[in-house]
């Protein structure tokens, strides 16, 4: 998938990507039933780690596992303006701090 900055209709996309890279999560992305599924799946893992099976511990462990297993590739064409990439990397610091940027001309 190629993504042009011009194609980003909502800058919230970059904010969500920045949050994923920074915290491993996008705030309020999960519905209550999805959180229940996460808690159910994490309960045995928490028990094996001798941690208290609280929602906080289960979600923190889930987030840690997401961050360690998440690999994201984003491709962009910079033909419109390299200033847009600079703007995004300054405003959303984790995009430039946590990523490898390969620029091909």
Foldseek 3Di string as FASTA:
>chain_A
DEDEPVNPPDCVVLVQVLCCLVQVDDPPPDDPVRLVVQLVVQQVVCVVVVHPSDSVVSVSVVSVVSNVPDDDDYHYDCPPHCVVVVVSCVVSVSVVVVDDDDDDD
